[in-house]
PDB file of N, CA and C in Angstrom:
ATOM      1  N   MET A   1      15.964   9.603 -13.579  1.00  0.00           N
ATOM      2  CA  MET A   1      15.167   9.175 -12.995  1.00  0.00           C
ATOM      3  C   MET A   1      13.822   9.357 -13.129  1.00  0.00           C
ATOM      4  N   LYS A   2      12.506   9.169 -13.475  1.00  0.00           N
ATOM      5  CA  LYS A   2      11.409   9.404 -13.695  1.00  0.00           C
ATOM      6  C   LYS A   2      10.478   9.023 -12.626  1.00  0.00           C
ATOM      7  N   ILE A   3       9.901  10.555 -11.613  1.00  0.00           N
ATOM      8  CA  ILE A   3       8.946  10.210 -10.832  1.00  0.00           C
ATOM      9  C   ILE A   3       7.610  10.432 -10.866  1.00  0.00           C
ATOM     10  N   ALA A   4       6.642   9.788 -10.607  1.00  0.00           N
ATOM     11  CA  ALA A   4       5.292  10.126 -10.903  1.00  0.00           C
ATOM     12  C   ALA A   4       4.745  10.672  -9.178  1.00  0.00           C
ATOM     13  N   ILE A   5       4.243  11.686  -9.268  1.00  0.00           N
ATOM     14  CA  ILE A   5       3.570  12.427  -7.758  1.00  0.00           C
ATOM     15  C   ILE A   5       2.301  12.204  -8.196  1.00  0.00           C
ATOM     16  N   LEU A   6       1.643  11.216  -7.227  1.00  0.00           N
ATOM     17  CA  LEU A   6       0.104  11.165  -7.452  1.00  0.00           C
ATOM     18  C   LEU A   6       0.009  11.848  -6.264  1.00  0.00           C
ATOM     19  N   ASP A   7      -1.072  13.114  -6.639  1.00  0.00           N
ATOM     20  CA  ASP A   7      -1.012  13.803  -5.403  1.00  0.00           C
ATOM     21  C   ASP A   7      -2.462  14.845  -6.193  1.00  0.00           C
ATOM     22  N   THR A   8      -2.312  16.235  -5.424  1.00  0.00           N
ATOM     23  CA  THR A   8      -3.220  17.331  -6.140  1.00  0.00           C
ATOM     24  C   THR A   8      -2.477  18.037  -7.196  1.00  0.00           C
ATOM     25  N   GLY A   9      -1.590  17.436  -7.950  1.00  0.00           N
ATOM     26  CA  GLY A   9      -0.891  18.372  -8.807  1.00  0.00           C
ATOM     27  C   GLY A   9       0.336  18.767  -8.604  1.00  0.00           C
ATOM     28  N   ILE A  10       1.030  19.770  -9.470  1.00  0.00           N
ATOM     29  CA  ILE A  10       2.401  20.288  -9.284  1.00  0.00           C
ATOM     30  C   ILE A  10       2.094  21.436  -9.647  1.00  0.00           C
ATOM     31  N   ASN A  11       2.491  22.739  -9.058  1.00  0.00           N
ATOM     32  CA  ASN A  11       2.569  24.191  -9.570  1.00  0.00           C
ATOM     33  C   ASN A  11       3.680  24.257 -10.747  1.00  0.00           C
ATOM     34  N   ARG A  12       3.207  24.792 -11.978  1.00  0.00           N
ATOM     35  CA  ARG A  12       4.345  24.371 -12.692  1.00  0.00           C
ATOM     36  C   ARG A  12       4.969  25.577 -13.289  1.00  0.00           C
ATOM     37  N   LYS A  13       4.649  26.642 -12.188  1.00  0.00           N
ATOM     38  CA  LYS A  13       5.463  27.835 -12.192  1.00  0.00           C
ATOM     39  C   LYS A  13       6.183  28.227 -11.180  1.00  0.00           C
ATOM     40  N   HIS A  14       6.322  27.079 -10.298  1.00  0.00           N
ATOM     41  CA  HIS A  14       7.042  27.417  -8.965  1.00  0.00           C
ATOM     42  C   HIS A  14       8.817  27.266  -9.287  1.00  0.00           C
ATOM     43  N   PRO A  15       9.213  28.260  -8.805  1.00  0.00           N
ATOM     44  CA  PRO A  15      10.646  28.645  -9.511  1.00  0.00           C
ATOM     45  C   PRO A  15      11.870  27.533  -8.811  1.00  0.00           C
ATOM     46  N   ASP A  16      11.159  26.734  -8.041  1.00  0.00           N
ATOM     47  CA  ASP A  16      12.246  25.554  -7.719  1.00  0.00           C
ATOM     48  C   ASP A  16      12.031  24.368  -8.093  1.00  0.00           C
ATOM     49  N   LEU A  17      10.917  24.150  -8.936  1.00  0.00           N
ATOM     50  CA  LEU A  17      10.667  23.006  -9.960  1.00  0.00           C
ATOM     51  C   LEU A  17      10.487  22.896 -11.291  1.00  0.00           C
ATOM     52  N   THR A  18      11.032  21.954 -11.994  1.00  0.00           N
ATOM     53  CA  THR A  18      10.973  21.592 -13.496  1.00  0.00           C
ATOM     54  C   THR A  18       9.982  20.498 -13.597  1.00  0.00           C
ATOM     55  N   VAL A  19       8.520  20.484 -14.084  1.00  0.00           N
ATOM     56  CA  VAL A  19       8.028  19.499 -14.320  1.00  0.00           C
ATOM     57  C   VAL A  19       8.198  19.070 -15.307  1.00  0.00           C
ATOM     58  N   SER A  20       8.234  18.015 -15.957  1.00  0.00           N
ATOM     59  CA  SER A  20       8.637  17.331 -17.226  1.00  0.00           C
ATOM     60  C   SER A  20       6.992  16.890 -18.012  1.00  0.00           C
ATOM     61  N   GLY A  21       6.062  16.808 -17.387  1.00  0.00           N
ATOM     62  CA  GLY A  21       4.674  16.578 -17.576  1.00  0.00           C
ATOM     63  C   GLY A  21       3.824  16.050 -16.857  1.00  0.00           C
ATOM     64  N   GLY A  22       2.569  15.348 -17.344  1.00  0.00           N
ATOM     65  CA  GLY A  22       1.556  15.313 -16.496  1.00  0.00           C
ATOM     66  C   GLY A  22       0.308  14.826 -16.873  1.00  0.00           C
ATOM     67  N   ILE A  23      -0.764  14.570 -15.991  1.00  0.00           N
ATOM     68  CA  ILE A  23      -2.078  14.275 -16.559  1.00  0.00           C
ATOM     69  C   ILE A  23      -2.931  14.422 -15.179  1.00  0.00           C
ATOM     70  N   ASN A  24      -4.226  15.113 -15.509  1.00  0.00           N
ATOM     71  CA  ASN A  24      -5.186  15.173 -14.462  1.00  0.00           C
ATOM     72  C   ASN A  24      -6.098  13.982 -14.552  1.00  0.00           C
ATOM     73  N   LEU A  25      -6.258  13.073 -13.780  1.00  0.00           N
ATOM     74  CA  LEU A  25      -7.110  11.949 -13.714  1.00  0.00           C
ATOM     75  C   LEU A  25      -8.424  12.136 -13.276  1.00  0.00           C
ATOM     76  N   LEU A  26      -9.038  13.248 -12.694  1.00  0.00           N
ATOM     77  CA  LEU A  26     -10.173  13.485 -12.139  1.00  0.00           C
ATOM     78  C   LEU A  26     -11.135  14.030 -12.932  1.00  0.00           C
ATOM     79  N   GLY A  27     -12.260  13.449 -12.831  1.00  0.00           N
ATOM     80  CA  GLY A  27     -13.689  13.749 -13.830  1.00  0.00           C
ATOM     81  C   GLY A  27     -13.822  12.457 -14.745  1.00  0.00           C
ATOM     82  N   THR A  28     -14.534  13.005 -15.514  1.00  0.00           N
ATOM     83  CA  THR A  28     -14.818  11.758 -16.577  1.00  0.00           C
ATOM     84  C   THR A  28     -13.968  11.701 -17.480  1.00  0.00           C
ATOM     85  N   SER A  29     -12.910  12.646 -17.858  1.00  0.00           N
ATOM     86  CA  SER A  29     -11.757  12.492 -18.982  1.00  0.00           C
ATOM     87  C   SER A  29     -10.537  13.033 -18.368  1.00  0.00           C
ATOM     88  N   SER A  30      -9.587  12.544 -18.997  1.00  0.00           N
ATOM     89  CA  SER A  30      -8.084  12.796 -18.256  1.00  0.00           C
ATOM     90  C   SER A  30      -8.034  14.161 -19.261  1.00  0.00           C
ATOM     91  N   SER A  31      -6.822  14.851 -18.688  1.00  0.00           N
ATOM     92  CA  SER A  31      -6.635  16.215 -19.529  1.00  0.00           C
ATOM     93  C   SER A  31      -5.205  16.753 -19.190  1.00  0.00           C
ATOM     94  N   LYS A  32      -4.456  17.621 -19.757  1.00  0.00           N
ATOM     95  CA  LYS A  32      -3.125  17.836 -19.041  1.00  0.00           C
ATOM     96  C   LYS A  32      -3.474  19.165 -18.288  1.00  0.00           C
ATOM     97  N   LYS A  33      -4.308  19.457 -17.707  1.00  0.00           N
ATOM     98  CA  LYS A  33      -4.672  20.579 -16.486  1.00  0.00           C
ATOM     99  C   LYS A  33      -4.188  19.748 -15.178  1.00  0.00           C
ATOM    100  N   TRP A  34      -3.026  19.858 -14.797  1.00  0.00           N
ATOM    101  CA  TRP A  34      -2.722  18.872 -13.638  1.00  0.00           C
ATOM    102  C   TRP A  34      -1.802  19.956 -12.489  1.00  0.00           C
ATOM    103  N   ASN A  35      -2.541  21.565 -12.812  1.00  0.00           N
ATOM    104  CA  ASN A  35      -1.650  22.326 -12.038  1.00  0.00           C
ATOM    105  C   ASN A  35      -2.425  22.171 -10.608  1.00  0.00           C
ATOM    106  N   ASP A  36      -1.530  22.264  -9.498  1.00  0.00           N
ATOM    107  CA  ASP A  36      -1.974  21.973  -8.169  1.00  0.00           C
ATOM    108  C   ASP A  36      -2.932  23.218  -7.770  1.00  0.00           C
ATOM    109  N   ASP A  37      -4.173  22.943  -7.125  1.00  0.00           N
ATOM    110  CA  ASP A  37      -4.767  24.049  -6.287  1.00  0.00           C
ATOM    111  C   ASP A  37      -5.003  23.420  -5.079  1.00  0.00           C
ATOM    112  N   ASN A  38      -4.227  22.998  -4.724  1.00  0.00           N
ATOM    113  CA  ASN A  38      -4.104  22.700  -3.024  1.00  0.00           C
ATOM    114  C   ASN A  38      -2.921  22.872  -2.468  1.00  0.00           C
ATOM    115  N   GLY A  39      -1.498  22.744  -3.023  1.00  0.00           N
ATOM    116  CA  GLY A  39      -0.490  22.834  -2.467  1.00  0.00           C
ATOM    117  C   GLY A  39       0.393  21.559  -2.014  1.00  0.00           C
ATOM    118  N   HIS A  40      -0.482  20.463  -1.785  1.00  0.00           N
ATOM    119  CA  HIS A  40       0.441  19.525  -1.192  1.00  0.00           C
ATOM    120  C   HIS A  40       1.184  18.875  -2.125  1.00  0.00           C
ATOM    121  N   GLY A  41       0.660  18.388  -3.423  1.00  0.00           N
ATOM    122  CA  GLY A  41       1.284  17.911  -4.456  1.00  0.00           C
ATOM    123  C   GLY A  41       2.692  18.815  -4.789  1.00  0.00           C
ATOM    124  N   THR A  42       2.647  19.953  -4.830  1.00  0.00           N
ATOM    125  CA  THR A  42       3.701  20.801  -4.829  1.00  0.00           C
ATOM    126  C   THR A  42       5.011  20.860  -3.685  1.00  0.00           C
ATOM    127  N   HIS A  43       4.375  20.712  -2.710  1.00  0.00           N
ATOM    128  CA  HIS A  43       5.410  20.535  -1.584  1.00  0.00           C
ATOM    129  C   HIS A  43       5.938  18.791  -1.491  1.00  0.00           C
ATOM    130  N   VAL A  44       5.240  17.941  -1.857  1.00  0.00           N
ATOM    131  CA  VAL A  44       5.999  16.663  -1.955  1.00  0.00           C
ATOM    132  C   VAL A  44       6.779  16.895  -3.263  1.00  0.00           C
ATOM    133  N   ALA A  45       6.501  17.643  -4.150  1.00  0.00           N
ATOM    134  CA  ALA A  45       7.156  17.599  -5.046  1.00  0.00           C
ATOM    135  C   ALA A  45       8.740  18.108  -4.960  1.00  0.00           C
ATOM    136  N   GLY A  46       8.252  19.072  -4.093  1.00  0.00           N
ATOM    137  CA  GLY A  46       9.788  19.934  -3.578  1.00  0.00           C
ATOM    138  C   GLY A  46      10.521  19.033  -2.649  1.00  0.00           C
ATOM    139  N   ILE A  47      10.274  18.118  -1.887  1.00  0.00           N
ATOM    140  CA  ILE A  47      10.909  17.317  -1.100  1.00  0.00           C
ATOM    141  C   ILE A  47      11.951  16.638  -1.764  1.00  0.00           C
ATOM    142  N   ILE A  48      11.051  16.017  -3.063  1.00  0.00           N
ATOM    143  CA  ILE A  48      11.767  15.123  -3.924  1.00  0.00           C
ATOM    144  C   ILE A  48      12.914  15.837  -4.696  1.00  0.00           C
ATOM    145  N   ALA A  49      12.194  16.766  -5.213  1.00  0.00           N
ATOM    146  CA  ALA A  49      13.139  17.087  -6.520  1.00  0.00           C
ATOM    147  C   ALA A  49      13.552  18.867  -6.928  1.00  0.00           C
ATOM    148  N   ALA A  50      13.236  19.859  -5.810  1.00  0.00           N
ATOM    149  CA  ALA A  50      13.717  21.060  -5.506  1.00  0.00           C
ATOM    150  C   ALA A  50      15.073  21.296  -6.113  1.00  0.00           C
ATOM    151  N   HIS A  51      15.289  22.142  -7.039  1.00  0.00           N
ATOM    152  CA  HIS A  51      16.764  22.300  -7.675  1.00  0.00           C
ATOM    153  C   HIS A  51      17.500  22.814  -6.785  1.00  0.00           C
ATOM    154  N   ASN A  52      19.097  22.607  -7.144  1.00  0.00           N
ATOM    155  CA  ASN A  52      19.916  23.201  -6.036  1.00  0.00           C
ATOM    156  C   ASN A  52      20.394  24.335  -6.617  1.00  0.00           C
ATOM    157  N   ASN A  53      19.616  25.423  -5.953  1.00  0.00           N
ATOM    158  CA  ASN A  53      19.748  26.941  -6.527  1.00  0.00           C
ATOM    159  C   ASN A  53      19.767  27.861  -5.116  1.00  0.00           C
ATOM    160  N   SER A  54      19.626  29.025  -5.215  1.00  0.00           N
ATOM    161  CA  SER A  54      19.685  29.540  -4.059  1.00  0.00           C
ATOM    162  C   SER A  54      18.647  30.101  -3.673  1.00  0.00           C
ATOM    163  N   ILE A  55      17.179  29.469  -4.064  1.00  0.00           N
ATOM    164  CA  ILE A  55      15.917  29.765  -3.576  1.00  0.00           C
ATOM    165  C   ILE A  55      15.448  28.336  -2.687  1.00  0.00           C
ATOM    166  N   GLY A  56      15.019  28.828  -1.534  1.00  0.00           N
ATOM    167  CA  GLY A  56      14.350  27.646  -0.909  1.00  0.00           C
ATOM    168  C   GLY A  56      15.209  26.360  -0.114  1.00  0.00           C
ATOM    169  N   VAL A  57      14.748  25.149  -0.854  1.00  0.00           N
ATOM    170  CA  VAL A  57      15.443  24.015  -0.056  1.00  0.00           C
ATOM    171  C   VAL A  57      15.998  23.197  -1.150  1.00  0.00           C
ATOM    172  N   ILE A  58      16.824  22.293  -1.049  1.00  0.00           N
ATOM    173  CA  ILE A  58      17.606  21.255  -2.235  1.00  0.00           C
ATOM    174  C   ILE A  58      16.458  20.087  -1.793  1.00  0.00           C
ATOM    175  N   GLY A  59      15.877  19.272  -3.079  1.00  0.00           N
ATOM    176  CA  GLY A  59      15.228  17.973  -2.669  1.00  0.00           C
ATOM    177  C   GLY A  59      16.411  16.971  -2.637  1.00  0.00           C
ATOM    178  N   VAL A  60      15.744  15.871  -2.185  1.00  0.00           N
ATOM    179  CA  VAL A  60      16.743  14.627  -2.222  1.00  0.00           C
ATOM    180  C   VAL A  60      17.174  14.306  -3.685  1.00  0.00           C
ATOM    181  N   ALA A  61      16.407  14.349  -4.637  1.00  0.00           N
ATOM    182  CA  ALA A  61      16.952  13.971  -6.022  1.00  0.00           C
ATOM    183  C   ALA A  61      16.697  15.205  -6.946  1.00  0.00           C
ATOM    184  N   PRO A  62      17.301  16.462  -6.838  1.00  0.00           N
ATOM    185  CA  PRO A  62      17.525  17.464  -7.759  1.00  0.00           C
ATOM    186  C   PRO A  62      17.150  17.389  -9.084  1.00  0.00           C
ATOM    187  N   ASP A  63      18.141  16.337  -9.677  1.00  0.00           N
ATOM    188  CA  ASP A  63      18.096  16.208 -11.328  1.00  0.00           C
ATOM    189  C   ASP A  63      16.882  15.210 -11.637  1.00  0.00           C
ATOM    190  N   ALA A  64      15.942  14.866 -10.546  1.00  0.00           N
ATOM    191  CA  ALA A  64      15.065  13.813 -11.230  1.00  0.00           C
ATOM    192  C   ALA A  64      13.996  14.457 -11.872  1.00  0.00           C
ATOM    193  N   GLU A  65      13.552  13.693 -13.088  1.00  0.00           N
ATOM    194  CA  GLU A  65      12.455  14.224 -13.613  1.00  0.00           C
ATOM    195  C   GLU A  65      10.838  13.867 -13.097  1.00  0.00           C
ATOM    196  N   VAL A  66      10.242  14.984 -12.629  1.00  0.00           N
ATOM    197  CA  VAL A  66       8.974  14.803 -11.844  1.00  0.00           C
ATOM    198  C   VAL A  66       7.863  15.002 -13.034  1.00  0.00           C
ATOM    199  N   TYR A  67       6.816  13.987 -12.637  1.00  0.00           N
ATOM    200  CA  TYR A  67       5.594  14.335 -13.722  1.00  0.00           C
ATOM    201  C   TYR A  67       4.862  14.165 -12.595  1.00  0.00           C
ATOM    202  N   ALA A  68       3.610  15.296 -12.798  1.00  0.00           N
ATOM    203  CA  ALA A  68       2.003  15.336 -11.810  1.00  0.00           C
ATOM    204  C   ALA A  68       1.030  14.400 -12.581  1.00  0.00           C
ATOM    205  N   VAL A  69       0.701  13.782 -11.426  1.00  0.00           N
ATOM    206  CA  VAL A  69      -0.292  12.618 -11.707  1.00  0.00           C
ATOM    207  C   VAL A  69      -1.494  13.066 -10.767  1.00  0.00           C
ATOM    208  N   LYS A  70      -2.358  14.200 -11.082  1.00  0.00           N
ATOM    209  CA  LYS A  70      -3.497  14.710 -10.234  1.00  0.00           C
ATOM    210  C   LYS A  70      -4.538  13.591 -10.122  1.00  0.00           C
ATOM    211  N   VAL A  71      -4.471  13.140  -8.667  1.00  0.00           N
ATOM    212  CA  VAL A  71      -6.075  12.130  -8.613  1.00  0.00           C
ATOM    213  C   VAL A  71      -6.269  12.860  -7.375  1.00  0.00           C
ATOM    214  N   LEU A  72      -6.076  13.923  -6.927  1.00  0.00           N
ATOM    215  CA  LEU A  72      -6.607  14.462  -5.884  1.00  0.00           C
ATOM    216  C   LEU A  72      -7.315  16.221  -6.166  1.00  0.00           C
ATOM    217  N   ASP A  73      -8.549  16.047  -5.334  1.00  0.00           N
ATOM    218  CA  ASP A  73      -9.023  17.782  -5.865  1.00  0.00           C
ATOM    219  C   ASP A  73      -8.000  18.855  -4.870  1.00  0.00           C
ATOM    220  N   GLN A  74      -8.997  19.844  -5.099  1.00  0.00           N
ATOM    221  CA  GLN A  74      -8.434  20.918  -4.472  1.00  0.00           C
ATOM    222  C   GLN A  74      -8.175  21.143  -2.820  1.00  0.00           C
ATOM    223  N   TYR A  75      -9.216  19.779  -2.375  1.00  0.00           N
ATOM    224  CA  TYR A  75      -9.540  19.397  -0.849  1.00  0.00           C
ATOM    225  C   TYR A  75      -8.734  18.460  -0.401  1.00  0.00           C
ATOM    226  N   GLY A  76      -7.731  17.803  -1.798  1.00  0.00           N
ATOM    227  CA  GLY A  76      -7.383  16.631  -1.300  1.00  0.00           C
ATOM    228  C   GLY A  76      -7.813  15.629  -1.183  1.00  0.00           C
ATOM    229  N   SER A  77      -9.293  15.497  -1.219  1.00  0.00           N
ATOM    230  CA  SER A  77      -9.712  14.342  -1.696  1.00  0.00           C
ATOM    231  C   SER A  77     -10.036  13.848  -3.212  1.00  0.00           C
ATOM    232  N   GLY A  78     -10.230  12.230  -3.194  1.00  0.00           N
ATOM    233  CA  GLY A  78     -10.544  12.016  -4.453  1.00  0.00           C
ATOM    234  C   GLY A  78     -10.939  10.543  -4.217  1.00  0.00           C
ATOM    235  N   ARG A  79     -11.062   9.646  -5.297  1.00  0.00           N
ATOM    236  CA  ARG A  79     -11.239   8.475  -5.434  1.00  0.00           C
ATOM    237  C   ARG A  79     -10.363   7.033  -5.429  1.00  0.00           C
ATOM    238  N   ILE A  80     -10.566   6.105  -5.165  1.00  0.00           N
ATOM    239  CA  ILE A  80      -9.417   5.005  -5.001  1.00  0.00           C
ATOM    240  C   ILE A  80      -9.344   4.425  -6.417  1.00  0.00           C
ATOM    241  N   SER A  81     -10.184   4.544  -7.300  1.00  0.00           N
ATOM    242  CA  SER A  81     -10.240   4.482  -8.780  1.00  0.00           C
ATOM    243  C   SER A  81      -9.309   5.263  -9.350  1.00  0.00           C
ATOM    244  N   ASN A  82      -9.402   6.396  -8.932  1.00  0.00           N
ATOM    245  CA  ASN A  82      -8.483   7.504  -9.590  1.00  0.00           C
ATOM    246  C   ASN A  82      -6.840   7.199  -9.387  1.00  0.00           C
ATOM    247  N   VAL A  83      -6.750   6.657  -8.172  1.00  0.00           N
ATOM    248  CA  VAL A  83      -5.592   6.277  -7.873  1.00  0.00           C
ATOM    249  C   VAL A  83      -4.958   5.368  -8.423  1.00  0.00           C
ATOM    250  N   ILE A  84      -5.795   4.361  -8.553  1.00  0.00           N
ATOM    251  CA  ILE A  84      -5.107   3.078  -9.037  1.00  0.00           C
ATOM    252  C   ILE A  84      -5.119   3.399 -10.837  1.00  0.00           C
ATOM    253  N   GLU A  85      -6.023   4.308 -11.138  1.00  0.00           N
ATOM    254  CA  GLU A  85      -5.734   4.869 -12.613  1.00  0.00           C
ATOM    255  C   GLU A  85      -4.225   5.550 -13.041  1.00  0.00           C
ATOM    256  N   GLY A  86      -3.924   6.208 -11.609  1.00  0.00           N
ATOM    257  CA  GLY A  86      -2.707   7.032 -11.880  1.00  0.00           C
ATOM    258  C   GLY A  86      -1.532   6.089 -11.765  1.00  0.00           C
ATOM    259  N   ILE A  87      -1.490   5.001 -10.939  1.00  0.00           N
ATOM    260  CA  ILE A  87      -0.481   4.088 -10.749  1.00  0.00           C
ATOM    261  C   ILE A  87      -0.361   3.272 -12.286  1.00  0.00           C
ATOM    262  N   GLU A  88      -1.630   2.790 -12.932  1.00  0.00           N
ATOM    263  CA  GLU A  88      -1.655   2.518 -14.340  1.00  0.00           C
ATOM    264  C   GLU A  88      -0.632   3.347 -15.213  1.00  0.00           C
ATOM    265  N   TRP A  89      -0.983   4.852 -15.229  1.00  0.00           N
ATOM    266  CA  TRP A  89      -0.676   5.739 -15.751  1.00  0.00           C
ATOM    267  C   TRP A  89       0.827   5.869 -15.554  1.00  0.00           C
ATOM    268  N   ALA A  90       1.397   5.459 -14.456  1.00  0.00           N
ATOM    269  CA  ALA A  90       2.977   5.923 -14.203  1.00  0.00           C
ATOM    270  C   ALA A  90       3.715   4.403 -14.721  1.00  0.00           C
ATOM    271  N   VAL A  91       3.106   3.255 -14.568  1.00  0.00           N
ATOM    272  CA  VAL A  91       3.501   2.104 -15.172  1.00  0.00           C
ATOM    273  C   VAL A  91       3.872   1.691 -16.888  1.00  0.00           C
ATOM    274  N   GLN A  92       2.541   2.539 -17.281  1.00  0.00           N
ATOM    275  CA  GLN A  92       2.499   2.731 -18.778  1.00  0.00           C
ATOM    276  C   GLN A  92       3.625   3.797 -19.216  1.00  0.00           C
ATOM    277  N   ASN A  93       3.854   4.948 -18.903  1.00  0.00           N
ATOM    278  CA  ASN A  93       4.846   5.628 -18.782  1.00  0.00           C
ATOM    279  C   ASN A  93       6.453   5.450 -18.310  1.00  0.00           C
ATOM    280  N   ASP A  94       6.480   4.317 -17.979  1.00  0.00           N
ATOM    281  CA  ASP A  94       7.961   4.084 -17.481  1.00  0.00           C
ATOM    282  C   ASP A  94       8.357   4.553 -16.492  1.00  0.00           C
ATOM    283  N   MET A  95       7.644   5.181 -15.379  1.00  0.00           N
ATOM    284  CA  MET A  95       8.142   5.637 -14.416  1.00  0.00           C
ATOM    285  C   MET A  95       8.894   5.157 -13.435  1.00  0.00           C
ATOM    286  N   ASP A  96      10.024   5.341 -13.055  1.00  0.00           N
ATOM    287  CA  ASP A  96      11.081   4.569 -12.166  1.00  0.00           C
ATOM    288  C   ASP A  96      10.642   4.420 -10.665  1.00  0.00           C
ATOM    289  N   ILE A  97       9.912   5.428 -10.105  1.00  0.00           N
ATOM    290  CA  ILE A  97       9.110   5.726  -8.745  1.00  0.00           C
ATOM    291  C   ILE A  97       7.967   6.438  -9.015  1.00  0.00           C
ATOM    292  N   ILE A  98       6.866   5.825  -7.967  1.00  0.00           N
ATOM    293  CA  ILE A  98       5.817   6.539  -7.974  1.00  0.00           C
ATOM    294  C   ILE A  98       5.514   6.819  -6.367  1.00  0.00           C
ATOM    295  N   SER A  99       5.418   8.041  -6.337  1.00  0.00           N
ATOM    296  CA  SER A  99       5.115   8.695  -5.007  1.00  0.00           C
ATOM    297  C   SER A  99       4.001   8.920  -4.537  1.00  0.00           C
ATOM    298  N   MET A 100       3.316   8.340  -3.555  1.00  0.00           N
ATOM    299  CA  MET A 100       1.607   8.322  -3.202  1.00  0.00           C
ATOM    300  C   MET A 100       1.596   8.822  -1.872  1.00  0.00           C
ATOM    301  N   SER A 101       1.820  10.170  -1.205  1.00  0.00           N
ATOM    302  CA  SER A 101       1.450  10.813   0.109  1.00  0.00           C
ATOM    303  C   SER A 101       0.105  10.962   0.285  1.00  0.00           C
ATOM    304  N   LEU A 102      -0.445   9.925   0.303  1.00  0.00           N
ATOM    305  CA  LEU A 102      -2.106  10.278   0.554  1.00  0.00           C
ATOM    306  C   LEU A 102      -2.505   8.678   1.507  1.00  0.00           C
ATOM    307  N   GLY A 103      -3.590   9.012   2.128  1.00  0.00           N
ATOM    308  CA  GLY A 103      -4.327   7.699   2.987  1.00  0.00           C
ATOM    309  C   GLY A 103      -5.907   7.900   2.662  1.00  0.00           C
ATOM    310  N   THR A 104      -6.530   7.030   3.619  1.00  0.00           N
ATOM    311  CA  THR A 104      -8.128   6.909   3.432  1.00  0.00           C
ATOM    312  C   THR A 104      -8.462   6.747   4.554  1.00  0.00           C
ATOM    313  N   THR A 105      -9.913   6.848   4.901  1.00  0.00           N
ATOM    314  CA  THR A 105     -10.416   6.551   6.191  1.00  0.00           C
ATOM    315  C   THR A 105     -11.534   5.323   5.541  1.00  0.00           C
ATOM    316  N   GLU A 106     -11.678   5.501   4.578  1.00  0.00           N
ATOM    317  CA  GLU A 106     -12.649   4.381   3.917  1.00  0.00           C
ATOM    318  C   GLU A 106     -12.169   3.368   3.526  1.00  0.00           C
ATOM    319  N   TYR A 107     -12.955   2.083   3.619  1.00  0.00           N
ATOM    320  CA  TYR A 107     -12.687   0.908   3.574  1.00  0.00           C
ATOM    321  C   TYR A 107     -12.806   0.447   1.945  1.00  0.00           C
ATOM    322  N   SER A 108     -11.851  -0.224   1.098  1.00  0.00           N
ATOM    323  CA  SER A 108     -12.233  -0.274  -0.150  1.00  0.00           C
ATOM    324  C   SER A 108     -12.312  -2.272  -0.340  1.00  0.00           C
ATOM    325  N   ALA A 109     -13.249  -2.627  -0.356  1.00  0.00           N
ATOM    326  CA  ALA A 109     -13.105  -3.974  -0.854  1.00  0.00           C
ATOM    327  C   ALA A 109     -13.063  -4.423  -2.358  1.00  0.00           C
ATOM    328  N   LEU A 110     -12.163  -5.628  -2.686  1.00  0.00           N
ATOM    329  CA  LEU A 110     -11.569  -5.930  -3.755  1.00  0.00           C
ATOM    330  C   LEU A 110     -12.982  -6.642  -4.039  1.00  0.00           C
ATOM    331  N   SER A 111     -13.344  -6.655  -5.446  1.00  0.00           N
ATOM    332  CA  SER A 111     -14.395  -7.254  -5.888  1.00  0.00           C
ATOM    333  C   SER A 111     -13.646  -8.239  -7.090  1.00  0.00           C
TER     334      SER A 111
END
């Protein structure tokens, strides 16, 4: 099962997680620099896919492949257009599930 985590990235070096890939959609060009500089994306990834080992907790789907889709910055802020681009990336890359633990206080009208 392939799960896209749309958030602040995922810490690639976390001992409880294996990240299968990712993309950073912040800024003007996408890149592979999707490491988590906030912690929230890594936390969400752990709830979903932390390994069944002697470290920490076990995720609800420890055998899932997780992909970091960085759409939020180090402060947990981002643009709705980046979130939309992240959803499109997940669909194009055949993700089975898209996880988005985020919210907004702004209204966004469709045009």
